Structure formats: structure tokens, C-alpha cells
């Protein structure tokens, strides 16, 4: 079904187009909700063009894509229509200077630390070699008391300079949340392959976390009963639940709604 070629006056709304396509596909709201993991009340609201419950335009676009895919509808005209009716998509240009600035700041640090470590190793090796050289000369040329046939030689150095290595810093573990209390649910979200939008609520609906997670950043969320999690750009996220990694959270650019309780990770 396509809505991009009809005149704008006769074009159905985004919600009406999704509802018509769902009915034409012979699907119920409950079946679409199960397929897309979009809650039933939210599916009803979107079909009535009420996007206020989506949590923002970014999540609304993700829900539109998911619902359109479930009813075999092209989502691109719907997204364009939604953007036209809600002020357009925000320009992504501010993100580029931010990431560029971070990249430029981080690059000069590596050569500085490397040069400092190399200089320290050279200094240690040079000092140890000089000590061995001068110590050997003194032991060879030093006088030995007459008649002392059992004079002890100078003690050999206990460690060779080549064995001296700088201490290595342990790398952080991806499963750092392992071993957490079993009577709580603990979620660790890391924006591994790009930035993500994260929102988390407890069983009573109280907001635990909400905001943008930049690439490389992590958030750890804990609750006694349940955590309802919404992930934007889910394919870029690495997710640990109660110390276990959740594989294939979603695809890049999609919005996933998940729910977890104490015990093994199991999507709600």
C-alpha cells in the first residue's frame, strides 16, 4: 500500500493508514503488539494519531517503522508525513562536532603515554646495565686478603634488566555485573556501536533513567522487582541482565521495549 502518490487532501493520516493496513492484513491489535513488542494501549493511541504517549518524536518514528513492518507497509512515506506534521526531523549536524572533538582530544594521549613508558624502560635498562658494568669491574680489580682462600665472590644481581616490565593494567570486564544479588534485577547498558536513547521505569511506573547514551558510555540500573526498558537504536547496544549478556537486542535504528525481573534474563 502506498500513500505518497495521492493528493495531500485525500491522503489518510499516519494512524489511519496503519490501521487500514492492519485490518487489510487480517491482524488484530493484540497480534501486532506481540510481533512488535509495542504495548496494546500504545498501538490503539498511534492508530488514533495520538503520539503523545510515545515518549518523543524519536520513539514515535521507531514505533511507526515497527508497526508498518508488521503489516507489510512501506514506512518511509509515513515517516515523511509524520515529520511534516510534527515540525520535521531534528538536524543531526551537532553530533558530528561533538564526536570529532572527542576523537581529536583522545588521539594525542596515546603517543604521550607510549613515549613516557618507552623512556622509563630505557632509563631502567640503562641504569641496570651501568650498575652491572661498574660492579663487575670492582669485583675483578678489588684486592683479596692474603691467605683468604675462601673469599666469597660478589653476589650476582637477582634480576636481569630484560625481565623488568612495566605493570599491566587489567582491562575492564564486559561482565562486571556478574555475581549480583539474585533477589534484585540489574541491567547494564553500553552504547557499543553508536549512541542510543534509553528509558527505564520500575514496576510502579517510576522513572529510573531517561536520556541519551553516547557511544562508549554505560548505565547500570537496579531494582528489587522489575525494570521496564526502552532502547532506541537497539542494534548499537550491548545489554547485560543479571550478569548475563542478552544477544541480538534489536536492529540499528529500531526501538525495543523490554522488561526484566530477578533471575535469568527473559524479555517481558
Protein backbone atom coordinates (compact mmCIF):
# COMPACT_ATOMS: atom_id res chain seq x y z
CA UNK A 1 0.00 0.00 0.00
CA UNK A 2 1.35 3.45 -0.83
CA UNK A 3 0.08 6.83 0.36
CA UNK A 4 2.74 9.02 -1.22
CA UNK A 5 1.15 9.37 -4.68
CA UNK A 6 -2.36 10.56 -3.69
CA UNK A 7 -3.19 14.25 -3.25
CA UNK A 8 -2.47 15.57 0.21
CA UNK A 9 -6.14 16.43 0.82
CA UNK A 10 -7.19 12.80 0.22
CA UNK A 11 -4.21 11.24 1.96
CA UNK A 12 -5.14 9.36 5.16
CA UNK A 13 -3.39 10.19 8.42
CA UNK A 14 -0.44 8.11 9.63
CA UNK A 15 -2.56 6.31 12.23
CA UNK A 16 -5.42 5.70 9.81
CA UNK A 17 -3.03 4.25 7.22
CA UNK A 18 -1.54 1.86 9.79
CA UNK A 19 -4.98 0.80 11.00
CA UNK A 20 -6.27 0.21 7.46
CA UNK A 21 -3.20 -1.85 6.56
CA UNK A 22 -3.56 -3.92 9.76
CA UNK A 23 -7.22 -4.66 9.06
CA UNK A 24 -6.40 -5.47 5.44
CA UNK A 25 -3.74 -7.93 6.61
CA UNK A 26 -6.28 -9.64 8.86
CA UNK A 27 -4.35 -8.89 12.07
CA UNK A 28 -5.68 -7.88 15.47
CA UNK A 29 -4.13 -5.21 17.69
CA UNK A 30 -3.01 -7.96 20.08
CA UNK A 31 -1.19 -9.82 17.29
CA UNK A 32 0.57 -6.66 16.13
CA UNK A 33 1.53 -5.87 19.74
CA UNK A 34 3.03 -9.35 20.20
CA UNK A 35 5.02 -9.07 16.95
CA UNK A 36 6.36 -5.55 17.55
CA UNK A 37 6.54 -5.54 21.38
CA UNK A 38 4.61 -2.26 21.31
CA UNK A 39 2.05 -2.26 24.12
CA UNK A 40 -1.62 -2.65 23.15
CA UNK A 41 -2.74 0.79 24.52
CA UNK A 42 0.07 2.43 22.58
CA UNK A 43 -0.94 0.69 19.32
CA UNK A 44 -4.51 1.98 19.80
CA UNK A 45 -3.20 5.51 20.51
CA UNK A 46 -0.99 5.57 17.39
CA UNK A 47 -3.85 4.37 15.18
CA UNK A 48 -5.83 7.35 16.55
CA UNK A 49 -2.86 9.66 15.69
CA UNK A 50 -2.10 10.23 19.39
CA UNK A 51 1.70 10.18 19.60
CA UNK A 52 1.92 11.90 22.99
CA UNK A 53 2.37 8.54 24.77
CA UNK A 54 5.37 7.52 22.64
CA UNK A 55 7.87 9.45 24.76
CA UNK A 56 9.06 11.79 21.99
CA UNK A 57 9.40 12.03 18.21
CA UNK A 58 12.37 9.63 18.10
CA UNK A 59 10.37 6.85 19.75
CA UNK A 60 7.30 7.69 17.67
CA UNK A 61 9.28 7.15 14.45
CA UNK A 62 10.55 3.83 15.77
CA UNK A 63 7.02 2.67 16.63
CA UNK A 64 5.75 3.73 13.20
CA UNK A 65 8.50 1.71 11.49
CA UNK A 66 7.78 -1.35 13.65
CA UNK A 67 4.02 -1.23 13.08
CA UNK A 68 4.43 -0.62 9.34
CA UNK A 69 6.79 -3.57 9.02
CA UNK A 70 4.33 -5.81 10.89
CA UNK A 71 1.52 -5.03 8.42
CA UNK A 72 3.78 -5.08 5.29
CA UNK A 73 3.53 -1.33 4.76
CA UNK A 74 6.28 0.96 3.44
CA UNK A 75 7.27 3.09 6.41
CA UNK A 76 9.17 5.82 4.52
CA UNK A 77 6.11 7.81 3.33
CA UNK A 78 4.61 7.51 6.81
CA UNK A 79 7.77 8.85 8.48
CA UNK A 80 7.93 11.74 5.98
CA UNK A 81 4.28 12.54 6.68
CA UNK A 82 4.85 12.37 10.46
CA UNK A 83 7.86 14.70 10.20
CA UNK A 84 5.89 17.16 8.07
CA UNK A 85 3.07 17.24 10.63
CA UNK A 86 5.33 17.45 13.70
CA UNK A 87 7.96 20.00 12.76
CA UNK A 88 10.36 17.78 10.81
CA UNK A 89 13.23 15.57 11.86
CA UNK A 90 15.89 17.29 14.04
CA UNK A 91 19.11 18.06 12.20
CA UNK A 92 21.88 15.60 13.15
CA UNK A 93 24.71 18.07 12.50
CA UNK A 94 25.50 18.96 16.15
CA UNK A 95 26.55 15.36 16.83
CA UNK A 96 29.43 15.47 14.31
CA UNK A 97 31.46 18.24 16.02
CA UNK A 98 30.92 16.51 19.37
CA UNK A 99 32.30 13.17 18.23
CA UNK A 100 35.02 14.91 16.22
CA UNK A 101 36.09 16.88 19.26
CA UNK A 102 36.22 13.72 21.35
CA UNK A 103 38.25 11.94 18.70
CA UNK A 104 40.71 14.83 18.38
CA UNK A 105 41.16 15.05 22.15
CA UNK A 106 41.79 11.36 22.64
CA UNK A 107 44.35 10.83 19.88
CA UNK A 108 47.33 12.86 21.29
CA UNK A 109 47.21 10.97 24.60
CA UNK A 110 48.37 7.62 23.25
CA UNK A 111 51.78 8.72 21.86
CA UNK A 112 52.50 10.65 25.07
CA UNK A 113 51.92 7.64 27.31
CA UNK A 114 53.79 5.36 24.95
CA UNK A 115 56.78 7.70 24.77
CA UNK A 116 56.83 8.05 28.55
CA UNK A 117 56.75 4.28 29.06
CA UNK A 118 59.49 3.68 26.48
CA UNK A 119 61.64 6.36 28.12
CA UNK A 120 61.11 4.77 31.54
CA UNK A 121 62.09 1.31 30.26
CA UNK A 122 65.20 2.69 28.54
CA UNK A 123 66.21 4.51 31.71
CA UNK A 124 65.76 1.38 33.86
CA UNK A 125 67.67 -0.82 31.41
CA UNK A 126 70.46 1.75 31.06
CA UNK A 127 70.81 2.18 34.82
CA UNK A 128 70.81 -1.59 35.41
CA UNK A 129 73.42 -2.11 32.68
CA UNK A 130 75.65 0.61 34.11
CA UNK A 131 75.35 -0.91 37.59
CA UNK A 132 76.30 -4.36 36.30
CA UNK A 133 79.25 -2.93 34.36
CA UNK A 134 80.71 -0.92 37.24
CA UNK A 135 80.01 -3.67 39.78
CA UNK A 136 81.84 -6.22 37.64
CA UNK A 137 84.96 -4.00 37.41
CA UNK A 138 85.13 -3.54 41.19
CA UNK A 139 84.78 -7.25 41.92
CA UNK A 140 87.51 -8.14 39.43
CA UNK A 141 90.01 -5.45 40.49
CA UNK A 142 89.34 -5.38 44.26
CA UNK A 143 92.17 -6.73 46.49
CA UNK A 144 91.79 -10.10 48.22
CA UNK A 145 93.24 -10.61 51.68
CA UNK A 146 96.32 -12.80 51.73
CA UNK A 147 95.67 -16.38 52.81
CA UNK A 148 91.86 -15.96 52.48
CA UNK A 149 91.32 -18.90 50.16
CA UNK A 150 87.60 -18.96 50.88
CA UNK A 151 86.80 -15.35 49.97
CA UNK A 152 83.18 -15.10 48.73
CA UNK A 153 82.60 -13.58 45.30
CA UNK A 154 80.37 -10.57 44.92
CA UNK A 155 76.68 -11.61 44.81
CA UNK A 156 75.17 -11.75 41.35
CA UNK A 157 72.21 -9.48 40.59
CA UNK A 158 68.94 -11.19 41.38
CA UNK A 159 67.08 -9.92 38.30
CA UNK A 160 68.21 -9.28 34.77
CA UNK A 161 67.19 -5.91 33.28
CA UNK A 162 65.37 -7.64 30.44
CA UNK A 163 62.95 -9.21 32.92
CA UNK A 164 61.83 -5.84 34.25
CA UNK A 165 58.45 -5.00 32.74
CA UNK A 166 56.06 -2.20 33.50
CA UNK A 167 52.94 -3.27 35.41
CA UNK A 168 49.98 -4.03 33.21
CA UNK A 169 46.59 -2.51 33.96
CA UNK A 170 43.76 -5.05 34.00
CA UNK A 171 41.26 -4.46 31.26
CA UNK A 172 37.69 -3.90 32.34
CA UNK A 173 35.42 -6.93 32.06
CA UNK A 174 32.24 -6.77 29.97
CA UNK A 175 30.53 -8.95 32.61
CA UNK A 176 31.35 -6.72 35.56
CA UNK A 177 27.82 -7.13 36.91
CA UNK A 178 28.24 -10.89 37.37
CA UNK A 179 27.65 -12.18 40.88
CA UNK A 180 25.00 -9.59 41.77
CA UNK A 181 22.26 -10.36 44.34
CA UNK A 182 19.69 -12.81 43.00
CA UNK A 183 16.78 -11.01 44.70
CA UNK A 184 17.26 -7.92 42.52
CA UNK A 185 17.25 -7.19 38.79
CA UNK A 186 20.33 -5.38 37.50
CA UNK A 187 20.67 -4.08 33.95
CA UNK A 188 23.87 -2.75 32.39
CA UNK A 189 23.50 -0.94 29.05
CA UNK A 190 26.54 0.07 26.96
CA UNK A 191 26.33 2.13 23.76
CA UNK A 192 28.93 -0.02 21.99
CA UNK A 193 28.39 0.70 18.28
CA UNK A 194 26.76 4.16 18.40
CA UNK A 195 24.64 6.39 20.59
CA UNK A 196 21.32 5.17 21.95
CA UNK A 197 18.25 6.55 23.71
CA UNK A 198 17.46 4.82 26.99
CA UNK A 199 14.45 4.99 29.28
CA UNK A 200 13.87 2.75 32.32
CA UNK A 201 10.96 2.53 34.78
CA UNK A 202 10.25 0.33 37.79
CA UNK A 203 7.15 -1.83 38.30
CA UNK A 204 5.17 1.14 39.64
CA UNK A 205 5.99 3.31 36.62
CA UNK A 206 8.58 5.43 38.41
CA UNK A 207 11.24 6.75 36.02
CA UNK A 208 14.68 5.32 36.90
CA UNK A 209 16.70 6.55 33.91
CA UNK A 210 15.96 8.64 30.84
CA UNK A 211 18.32 10.26 28.35
CA UNK A 212 20.85 9.92 25.56
CA UNK A 213 23.68 7.40 25.95
CA UNK A 214 26.72 8.42 23.89
CA UNK A 215 28.94 5.85 22.20
CA UNK A 216 31.22 4.21 24.75
CA UNK A 217 29.10 5.21 27.75
CA UNK A 218 27.38 2.74 30.10
CA UNK A 219 24.49 2.86 32.55
CA UNK A 220 23.74 0.35 35.32
CA UNK A 221 20.17 0.24 36.68
CA UNK A 222 18.95 -1.83 39.66
CA UNK A 223 15.50 -2.50 41.11
CA UNK A 224 14.02 -5.04 43.52
CA UNK A 225 11.06 -6.16 41.39
CA UNK A 226 11.10 -5.24 37.69
CA UNK A 227 12.66 -2.87 35.17
CA UNK A 228 10.75 -1.84 32.03
CA UNK A 229 13.36 -0.78 29.48
CA UNK A 230 13.02 1.20 26.24
CA UNK A 231 16.06 1.25 23.91
CA UNK A 232 16.42 3.50 20.88
CA UNK A 233 18.86 2.40 18.17
CA UNK A 234 18.79 -1.00 19.84
CA UNK A 235 21.26 -2.60 17.43
CA UNK A 236 24.08 -0.39 18.77
CA UNK A 237 23.57 -1.52 22.38
CA UNK A 238 25.32 -4.20 24.42
CA UNK A 239 22.97 -5.40 27.18
CA UNK A 240 23.70 -7.38 30.35
CA UNK A 241 20.84 -8.53 32.58
CA UNK A 242 21.67 -10.03 35.99
CA UNK A 243 25.22 -10.71 34.85
CA UNK A 244 24.31 -12.41 31.56
CA UNK A 245 24.62 -10.88 28.10
CA UNK A 246 21.44 -10.58 26.05
CA UNK A 247 22.22 -11.41 22.42
CA UNK A 248 20.55 -9.64 19.47
CA UNK A 249 18.76 -6.91 21.38
CA UNK A 250 17.47 -5.45 18.10
CA UNK A 251 18.46 -3.86 14.81
CA UNK A 252 20.12 -0.49 14.37
CA UNK A 253 17.62 2.34 14.17
CA UNK A 254 14.81 0.37 15.83
CA UNK A 255 13.15 0.93 19.20
CA UNK A 256 12.86 -2.07 21.53
CA UNK A 257 10.70 -2.28 24.67
CA UNK A 258 11.90 -4.94 27.14
CA UNK A 259 11.01 -5.98 30.69
CA UNK A 260 13.19 -7.90 33.16
CA UNK A 261 12.82 -9.34 36.67
CA UNK A 262 15.27 -11.06 39.09
CA UNK A 263 16.66 -14.32 37.73
CA UNK A 264 17.69 -15.26 34.19
CA UNK A 265 17.17 -12.54 31.57
CA UNK A 266 13.86 -13.06 29.84
CA UNK A 267 12.12 -10.39 27.75
CA UNK A 268 8.72 -9.39 29.03
